[in-house]
Protein backbone atom coordinates (compact mmCIF):
# COMPACT_ATOMS: atom_id res chain seq x y z
CA MET A 1 -13.32 -17.29 -36.10
CA ILE A 2 -12.38 -16.82 -39.74
CA TYR A 3 -10.13 -19.49 -41.28
CA THR A 4 -8.59 -18.56 -44.63
CA VAL A 5 -6.75 -20.78 -47.09
CA GLU A 6 -4.96 -19.14 -50.01
CA CYS A 7 -3.03 -20.72 -52.85
CA SER A 8 -2.19 -20.71 -56.51
CA PHE A 9 -2.21 -23.74 -58.84
CA ALA A 10 0.75 -24.45 -61.14
CA ASP A 11 -0.70 -26.97 -63.62
CA PRO A 12 -3.03 -25.37 -66.19
CA THR A 13 -3.89 -28.76 -67.74
CA SER A 14 -5.51 -30.04 -64.51
CA GLU A 15 -6.64 -26.74 -62.96
CA ALA A 16 -10.29 -27.04 -64.04
CA GLU A 17 -10.48 -30.57 -62.62
CA TRP A 18 -8.85 -29.39 -59.37
CA ASN A 19 -11.33 -26.51 -59.09
CA ASN A 20 -14.23 -28.96 -59.54
CA PHE A 21 -12.75 -31.21 -56.82
CA TYR A 22 -12.26 -28.29 -54.42
CA SER A 23 -15.62 -26.61 -55.00
CA LEU A 24 -17.82 -29.73 -55.40
CA GLU A 25 -16.14 -32.24 -53.06
CA LYS A 26 -13.77 -30.58 -50.60
CA LEU A 27 -15.94 -27.64 -49.52
CA PRO A 28 -19.03 -29.83 -48.88
CA ALA A 29 -16.84 -32.26 -46.89
CA LEU A 30 -15.39 -29.44 -44.80
CA ILE A 31 -18.76 -27.81 -44.05
CA SER A 32 -19.92 -31.16 -42.68
CA VAL A 33 -17.17 -31.07 -39.98
CA ALA A 34 -18.49 -30.16 -36.54
CA GLY A 35 -17.35 -26.60 -35.81
CA PHE A 36 -17.46 -25.40 -39.46
CA HIS A 37 -20.35 -22.98 -40.05
CA THR A 38 -19.73 -21.38 -43.45
CA SER A 39 -17.40 -21.98 -46.40
CA GLN A 40 -16.98 -20.06 -49.64
CA ARG A 41 -14.37 -20.06 -52.41
CA PHE A 42 -13.04 -17.11 -54.39
CA LYS A 43 -10.73 -16.33 -57.29
CA ALA A 44 -8.56 -13.21 -57.29
CA ILE A 45 -9.16 -10.60 -59.92
CA SER A 46 -6.20 -8.60 -58.52
CA ASP A 47 -2.53 -9.25 -59.11
CA GLY A 48 0.01 -9.70 -56.34
CA CYS A 49 -1.84 -12.34 -54.29
CA PRO A 50 -2.52 -16.06 -54.45
CA VAL A 51 -5.14 -16.87 -57.12
CA TYR A 52 -7.52 -18.82 -54.91
CA LEU A 53 -9.02 -18.03 -51.51
CA ALA A 54 -11.33 -20.04 -49.29
CA VAL A 55 -13.01 -18.30 -46.34
CA HIS A 56 -14.54 -20.40 -43.57
CA THR A 57 -16.29 -19.53 -40.31
CA ILE A 58 -15.25 -22.01 -37.63
CA ASP A 59 -15.51 -22.31 -33.87
CA SER A 60 -11.84 -22.44 -32.92
CA LEU A 61 -8.37 -23.78 -33.76
CA ASP A 62 -9.41 -27.10 -32.16
CA VAL A 63 -11.66 -27.75 -35.17
CA LEU A 64 -8.56 -27.75 -37.43
CA THR A 65 -6.60 -30.12 -35.21
CA GLY A 66 -9.43 -32.64 -34.75
CA ASP A 67 -9.74 -36.14 -36.21
CA GLU A 68 -12.96 -35.34 -38.08
CA TYR A 69 -11.30 -32.47 -39.96
CA ARG A 70 -8.40 -34.74 -41.02
CA ARG A 71 -10.72 -37.60 -41.99
CA LYS A 72 -12.74 -35.30 -44.21
CA GLY A 73 -9.74 -33.95 -46.09
CA GLY A 74 -8.73 -30.93 -44.07
CA GLY A 75 -5.19 -29.76 -44.83
CA ASN A 76 -4.84 -32.39 -47.56
CA PHE A 77 -5.25 -31.88 -51.30
CA ALA A 78 -4.36 -35.49 -52.17
CA ARG A 79 -3.16 -35.83 -55.75
CA TRP A 80 -3.28 -32.03 -56.29
CA GLN A 81 -0.69 -31.21 -53.61
CA GLN A 82 2.25 -31.24 -56.05
CA HIS A 83 0.67 -28.40 -58.10
CA ILE A 84 -0.30 -26.13 -55.20
CA THR A 85 1.95 -23.10 -54.74
CA ASP A 86 1.91 -19.97 -52.60
CA TRP A 87 -0.14 -21.81 -49.97
CA HIS A 88 -1.08 -19.88 -46.81
CA ARG A 89 -3.40 -20.64 -43.92
CA ASN A 90 -4.51 -18.22 -41.21
CA LEU A 91 -6.98 -18.17 -38.37
CA TYR A 92 -8.36 -14.75 -37.56
CA SER A 93 -10.15 -13.48 -34.48
CA ASP A 94 -13.89 -13.68 -34.29
CA ILE A 95 -15.72 -11.15 -36.49
CA GLY A 96 -18.90 -13.19 -36.41
CA VAL A 97 -19.96 -15.18 -39.45
CA ALA A 98 -18.04 -14.46 -42.66
CA PRO A 99 -20.22 -12.43 -45.00
CA ALA A 100 -21.75 -14.33 -47.93
CA VAL A 101 -20.58 -12.80 -51.19
CA ASN A 102 -23.13 -13.04 -54.01
CA ALA A 103 -22.46 -13.32 -57.73
CA ASP A 104 -22.96 -9.55 -58.19
CA GLU A 105 -20.48 -8.73 -55.39
CA LEU A 106 -16.75 -8.95 -54.72
CA LEU A 107 -14.75 -9.59 -51.59
CA ALA A 108 -12.02 -7.07 -50.75
CA LEU A 109 -9.11 -7.96 -48.47
CA CYS A 110 -6.60 -5.39 -47.31
CA ALA A 111 -3.60 -5.72 -45.00
CA SER A 112 -2.48 -2.09 -45.14
CA GLY A 113 -5.24 -0.64 -42.96
CA PRO A 114 -8.95 0.09 -43.32
CA ASP A 115 -8.68 3.68 -44.56
CA SER A 116 -8.75 3.02 -48.30
CA LEU A 117 -11.78 0.75 -47.89
CA ILE A 118 -13.60 3.29 -45.72
CA ARG A 119 -12.85 6.10 -48.21
CA MET A 120 -14.55 3.96 -50.88
CA GLY A 121 -17.67 3.80 -48.75
CA LEU A 122 -17.20 0.29 -47.42
CA ASP A 123 -17.57 -0.92 -43.84
CA PRO A 124 -14.55 -3.21 -43.35
CA LEU A 125 -14.36 -5.85 -40.66
CA ALA A 126 -11.06 -5.96 -38.76
CA MET A 127 -9.44 -9.37 -38.38
CA GLN A 128 -6.39 -10.17 -36.26
CA ALA A 129 -4.38 -13.33 -36.96
CA VAL A 130 -4.30 -15.53 -33.87
CA ALA A 131 -3.02 -18.89 -35.18
CA LEU A 132 -1.32 -20.76 -38.04
CA GLU A 133 0.91 -18.44 -40.12
CA LYS A 134 -0.28 -15.25 -38.39
CA PHE A 135 0.64 -13.24 -41.49
CA PRO A 136 -0.58 -10.78 -42.33
CA GLU A 137 -1.20 -10.04 -38.67
CA LEU A 138 -4.01 -7.60 -39.37
CA ARG A 139 -6.42 -7.71 -42.27
CA TRP A 140 -9.63 -6.00 -43.21
CA LEU A 141 -12.46 -7.68 -45.09
CA ALA A 142 -15.33 -5.98 -46.93
CA LYS A 143 -17.95 -6.67 -49.61
CA LEU A 144 -18.55 -4.40 -52.57
CA ARG A 145 -20.77 -4.36 -55.59
CA LEU A 146 -19.19 -5.83 -58.71
CA SER A 147 -20.12 -2.63 -60.53
CA ASP A 148 -17.82 -0.70 -58.13
CA ALA A 149 -14.72 -2.81 -58.84
CA ARG A 150 -13.26 -0.15 -61.14
CA LEU A 151 -13.06 2.24 -58.18
CA PHE A 152 -10.58 -0.14 -56.54
CA GLU A 153 -8.33 -0.72 -59.59
CA GLY A 154 -4.76 0.07 -58.72
CA LEU A 155 -5.54 0.71 -55.06
CA GLU A 156 -2.36 -0.55 -53.40
CA GLY A 157 -2.77 -3.30 -50.84
CA VAL A 158 -6.39 -4.09 -51.71
CA HIS A 159 -7.02 -7.44 -53.31
CA LEU A 160 -10.38 -8.20 -54.92
CA TYR A 161 -11.92 -11.65 -55.26
CA THR A 162 -14.92 -12.90 -57.20
CA PRO A 163 -16.95 -15.76 -55.70
CA MET A 164 -16.46 -19.19 -57.29
CA THR A 165 -19.15 -20.80 -55.14
CA GLU A 166 -22.11 -19.70 -53.10
CA GLN A 167 -21.44 -19.63 -49.40
CA LEU A 168 -22.14 -23.07 -47.99
CA THR A 169 -23.60 -23.27 -44.51
CA SER A 170 -23.65 -26.21 -42.15
CA ALA A 171 -26.95 -27.85 -41.27
CA ARG A 172 -26.31 -26.74 -37.68
CA ALA A 173 -25.89 -23.11 -38.77
CA ALA A 174 -29.05 -23.28 -40.87
CA LEU A 175 -31.05 -24.66 -37.93
CA THR A 176 -29.72 -21.92 -35.65
CA ALA A 177 -30.72 -19.27 -38.19
CA GLN A 178 -34.24 -20.76 -38.43
CA GLU A 179 -34.59 -20.61 -34.64
CA ARG A 180 -33.95 -16.83 -34.59
């Protein structure tokens, strides 16, 4: 399943420190939770959406309600919580493992249907919200080359994100990949 966390941050004076915490401490802690397989962080380059996005591949909703997830900081931003705005969490149906987005690529998310992404030559993955906020109910996810970003400028309903981190994978996921 795909677990997304979106938010903006309202304190410019501590935003860099918060980003370091999230990328260097929180993501590695989360990927160590049993049931987490991938985690990657993004920053929006589009307007009209929360600034930050984290995309995780997890086994099920049970992972997010477990003790290990809470112990390792899940759902808690500690001293940063007061500055977090526009916070949204969703769990989407299984599309397999979330695609890793490289430094020369962007992630596109669209809630208005797959047609605009398909017309741009992308192969979007359909996701249906099944838990947490369940909004937007349907969303499409695709990767595109950074050099193609200008083709998507002004395309209504499509939000583009640049990766802030590499995609982290759990040791369990890495072992499974090696076995294939």
